[in-house]
Amino acid sequence: VQLVGASVLESVDVFTSVGTQGRGQLLLDSGARASLGDVYVGERSGGDGLIAVRNGALLETAGSVLLSASGALEMENGRAEIGKLYVDGGRATADGGTLRAESIVLNEVSSPAAQLLLSGNAVAETRELLLGRGATLELADSARCLVTQSMKLLPGATLRLHVGEGASLTLADGASCVAGGTDHG
């Protein structure tokens, strides 16, 4: 499915972007908007799933977005307003734009590791951030991540801030941080 310009996709239930022997895609570009319930992006029978939000497009979800092993959310100067973002072995990337989620959870899975990569002038805002075992949060360029309530880094999680490039991870006043055996790169 590809939406461009003033196109709108609305769904109140579950939206699935799953590849079956190929790639299932939802592409939002140039001001398009998708207003969805729960979203599942992942694999089935060797395929993969992708949601791309580009050039001022908007992805809104009332529920959760689940990225499984071969699922991806790719943002390039787009916006996403998500209830909860669960990355279970998939990857979420934002090169510019804004990602807002009630919770961001990079779950513990063995392979592949869950990733959230922010670059350019991307901004991620969340109440809760959890990085599970093997998960990676990477901030490059002038990307910023703001956590307003709590951040938990489990043993084996990786947090990478590209120092000198202006990337930042900020905990709001009163927010808590718990880290155990974390690799700070």
Protein backbone atom coordinates (compact mmCIF):
# COMPACT_ATOMS: atom_id res chain seq x y z
CA VAL A 1 0.00 0.00 0.00
CA GLN A 2 1.44 3.40 -0.94
CA LEU A 3 -0.12 6.71 0.10
CA VAL A 4 1.12 10.08 -1.16
CA GLY A 5 -0.02 13.66 -0.62
CA ALA A 6 -3.35 14.19 1.13
CA SER A 7 -4.18 10.45 1.13
CA VAL A 8 -5.59 9.03 4.37
CA LEU A 9 -5.78 5.42 5.58
CA GLU A 10 -7.97 4.75 8.60
CA SER A 11 -8.51 1.49 10.45
CA VAL A 12 -9.86 0.91 13.96
CA ASP A 13 -8.69 -2.68 14.32
CA VAL A 14 -5.44 -4.47 13.61
CA PHE A 15 -3.38 -3.46 10.58
CA THR A 16 -0.85 -6.04 9.41
CA SER A 17 2.11 -5.38 7.13
CA VAL A 18 3.46 -8.87 6.69
CA GLY A 19 5.48 -10.25 3.85
CA THR A 20 4.68 -13.69 2.48
CA GLN A 21 7.47 -14.81 0.18
CA GLY A 22 8.36 -11.18 -0.31
CA ARG A 23 7.69 -7.83 1.33
CA GLY A 24 4.52 -6.40 2.80
CA GLN A 25 4.73 -2.60 2.77
CA LEU A 26 2.88 0.47 3.93
CA LEU A 27 4.56 3.55 2.45
CA LEU A 28 3.44 7.01 3.64
CA ASP A 29 4.97 9.92 1.75
CA SER A 30 4.61 13.69 1.26
CA GLY A 31 1.91 14.54 3.79
CA ALA A 32 -0.07 11.27 3.68
CA ARG A 33 -1.61 10.07 6.97
CA ALA A 34 -2.46 6.67 8.42
CA SER A 35 -4.63 6.52 11.53
CA LEU A 36 -4.63 2.92 12.75
CA GLY A 37 -5.42 0.73 15.78
CA ASP A 38 -2.82 -1.92 16.56
CA VAL A 39 -0.12 -2.51 13.94
CA TYR A 40 1.88 -5.69 13.36
CA VAL A 41 4.93 -5.59 11.08
CA GLY A 42 6.88 -8.78 10.57
CA GLU A 43 7.60 -12.03 8.88
CA ARG A 44 5.69 -14.98 7.58
CA SER A 45 6.98 -17.70 5.25
CA GLY A 46 10.30 -16.02 4.56
CA GLY A 47 8.92 -12.55 3.90
CA ASP A 48 9.32 -9.31 5.79
CA GLY A 49 7.29 -6.21 6.59
CA LEU A 50 7.98 -2.49 6.35
CA ILE A 51 6.24 0.71 7.33
CA ALA A 52 7.96 3.78 5.86
CA VAL A 53 6.97 7.32 6.92
CA ARG A 54 8.62 10.03 4.80
CA ASN A 55 8.59 13.74 3.98
CA GLY A 56 6.05 15.06 6.49
CA ALA A 57 3.78 12.00 6.43
CA LEU A 58 2.10 10.99 9.71
CA LEU A 59 1.56 7.56 11.27
CA GLU A 60 -0.88 7.57 14.21
CA THR A 61 -1.84 4.50 16.20
CA ALA A 62 -4.38 4.24 19.00
CA GLY A 63 -2.78 0.99 20.12
CA SER A 64 0.58 -0.69 19.77
CA VAL A 65 3.09 -1.14 16.96
CA LEU A 66 4.86 -4.52 17.09
CA LEU A 67 7.97 -5.03 14.93
CA SER A 68 8.93 -8.71 14.81
CA ALA A 69 12.20 -10.25 13.62
CA SER A 70 12.09 -9.00 10.03
CA GLY A 71 9.79 -6.04 10.62
CA ALA A 72 10.94 -2.46 10.19
CA LEU A 73 9.67 1.04 10.82
CA GLU A 74 11.69 3.51 8.73
CA MET A 75 11.17 7.23 9.16
CA GLU A 76 12.77 9.93 7.02
CA ASN A 77 11.58 13.38 8.13
CA GLY A 78 8.20 11.88 8.99
CA ARG A 79 6.11 11.87 12.17
CA ALA A 80 4.78 9.01 14.27
CA GLU A 81 2.38 9.23 17.23
CA ILE A 82 2.30 5.70 18.65
CA GLY A 83 0.65 4.21 21.72
CA LYS A 84 3.36 1.66 22.49
CA LEU A 85 6.29 0.64 20.28
CA TYR A 86 7.50 -2.95 20.77
CA VAL A 87 10.59 -3.98 18.84
CA ASP A 88 10.91 -7.78 19.08
CA GLY A 89 14.01 -8.41 17.01
CA GLY A 90 13.08 -5.92 14.30
CA ARG A 91 14.38 -2.40 13.83
CA ALA A 92 13.07 1.12 13.99
CA THR A 93 15.01 3.98 12.40
CA ALA A 94 14.38 7.69 12.27
CA ASP A 95 16.50 10.00 10.15
CA GLY A 96 14.95 13.33 11.02
CA GLY A 97 11.34 13.75 12.07
CA THR A 98 9.57 12.98 15.34
CA LEU A 99 8.72 9.69 17.03
CA ARG A 100 6.40 9.96 20.05
CA ALA A 101 5.32 6.86 21.96
CA GLU A 102 3.84 6.21 25.38
CA SER A 103 6.36 3.37 25.78
CA ILE A 104 9.31 2.13 23.73
CA VAL A 105 10.31 -1.45 24.48
CA LEU A 106 13.23 -3.16 22.77
CA ASN A 107 12.57 -6.72 23.88
CA GLU A 108 14.86 -9.55 24.80
CA VAL A 109 15.07 -11.90 21.86
CA SER A 110 17.97 -14.04 20.78
CA SER A 111 18.23 -13.20 17.11
CA PRO A 112 18.26 -10.73 15.55
CA ALA A 113 18.74 -8.11 18.24
CA ALA A 114 16.16 -5.31 18.50
CA GLN A 115 17.40 -1.89 17.34
CA LEU A 116 16.28 1.72 17.56
CA LEU A 117 18.54 4.03 15.54
CA LEU A 118 18.02 7.81 15.59
CA SER A 119 20.03 10.11 13.30
CA GLY A 120 19.87 13.48 11.58
CA ASN A 121 17.74 15.81 13.68
CA ALA A 122 15.33 13.04 14.78
CA VAL A 123 13.53 13.47 18.09
CA ALA A 124 12.09 10.57 20.08
CA GLU A 125 9.89 11.24 23.11
CA THR A 126 8.54 8.57 25.46
CA ARG A 127 7.30 8.12 29.01
CA GLU A 128 9.01 4.74 29.40
CA LEU A 129 12.07 3.30 27.66
CA LEU A 130 13.15 -0.32 28.17
CA LEU A 131 16.20 -1.85 26.49
CA GLY A 132 16.25 -5.62 26.88
CA ARG A 133 19.16 -8.03 26.63
CA GLY A 134 20.93 -7.65 23.28
CA ALA A 135 18.94 -4.56 22.29
CA THR A 136 20.62 -1.42 20.92
CA LEU A 137 19.63 2.24 21.14
CA GLU A 138 21.90 4.43 19.00
CA LEU A 139 21.79 8.21 18.65
CA ALA A 140 23.89 9.94 15.99
CA ASP A 141 24.22 13.41 14.46
CA SER A 142 21.96 15.79 16.42
CA ALA A 143 19.30 13.18 17.28
CA ARG A 144 17.64 13.47 20.69
CA CYS A 145 15.73 11.10 22.92
CA LEU A 146 13.65 12.42 25.85
CA VAL A 147 12.39 10.04 28.57
CA THR A 148 9.84 11.61 30.89
CA GLN A 149 9.16 8.87 33.47
CA SER A 150 11.50 5.86 33.55
CA MET A 151 14.35 4.22 31.66
CA LYS A 152 15.50 0.64 32.24
CA LEU A 153 18.57 -0.88 30.65
CA LEU A 154 18.84 -4.62 31.26
CA PRO A 155 22.18 -6.49 31.29
CA GLY A 156 23.53 -6.87 27.76
CA ALA A 157 21.73 -3.81 26.36
CA THR A 158 23.79 -1.33 24.33
CA LEU A 159 23.40 2.44 24.41
CA ARG A 160 25.48 4.36 21.85
CA LEU A 161 25.71 8.14 21.81
CA HIS A 162 27.93 9.60 19.10
CA VAL A 163 29.78 12.13 21.23
CA GLY A 164 30.75 15.38 19.57
CA GLU A 165 27.93 15.20 17.06
CA GLY A 166 25.27 16.71 19.33
CA ALA A 167 23.26 13.53 20.01
CA SER A 168 21.59 13.49 23.43
CA LEU A 169 19.62 11.27 25.77
CA THR A 170 17.70 13.30 28.36
CA LEU A 171 15.80 12.21 31.45
CA ALA A 172 13.14 14.72 32.49
CA ASP A 173 13.07 16.00 36.08
CA GLY A 174 11.84 13.22 38.34
CA ALA A 175 12.45 10.42 35.82
CA SER A 176 14.21 7.29 37.07
CA CYS A 177 16.97 5.26 35.42
CA VAL A 178 17.95 1.70 36.26
CA ALA A 179 20.88 0.11 34.44
CA GLY A 180 22.39 -3.28 35.08
CA GLY A 181 25.49 -4.58 33.32
CA THR A 182 24.94 -2.25 30.39
CA ASP A 183 27.49 -1.59 27.66
CA HIS A 184 27.75 2.19 27.30
CA GLY A 185 29.46 2.85 23.94
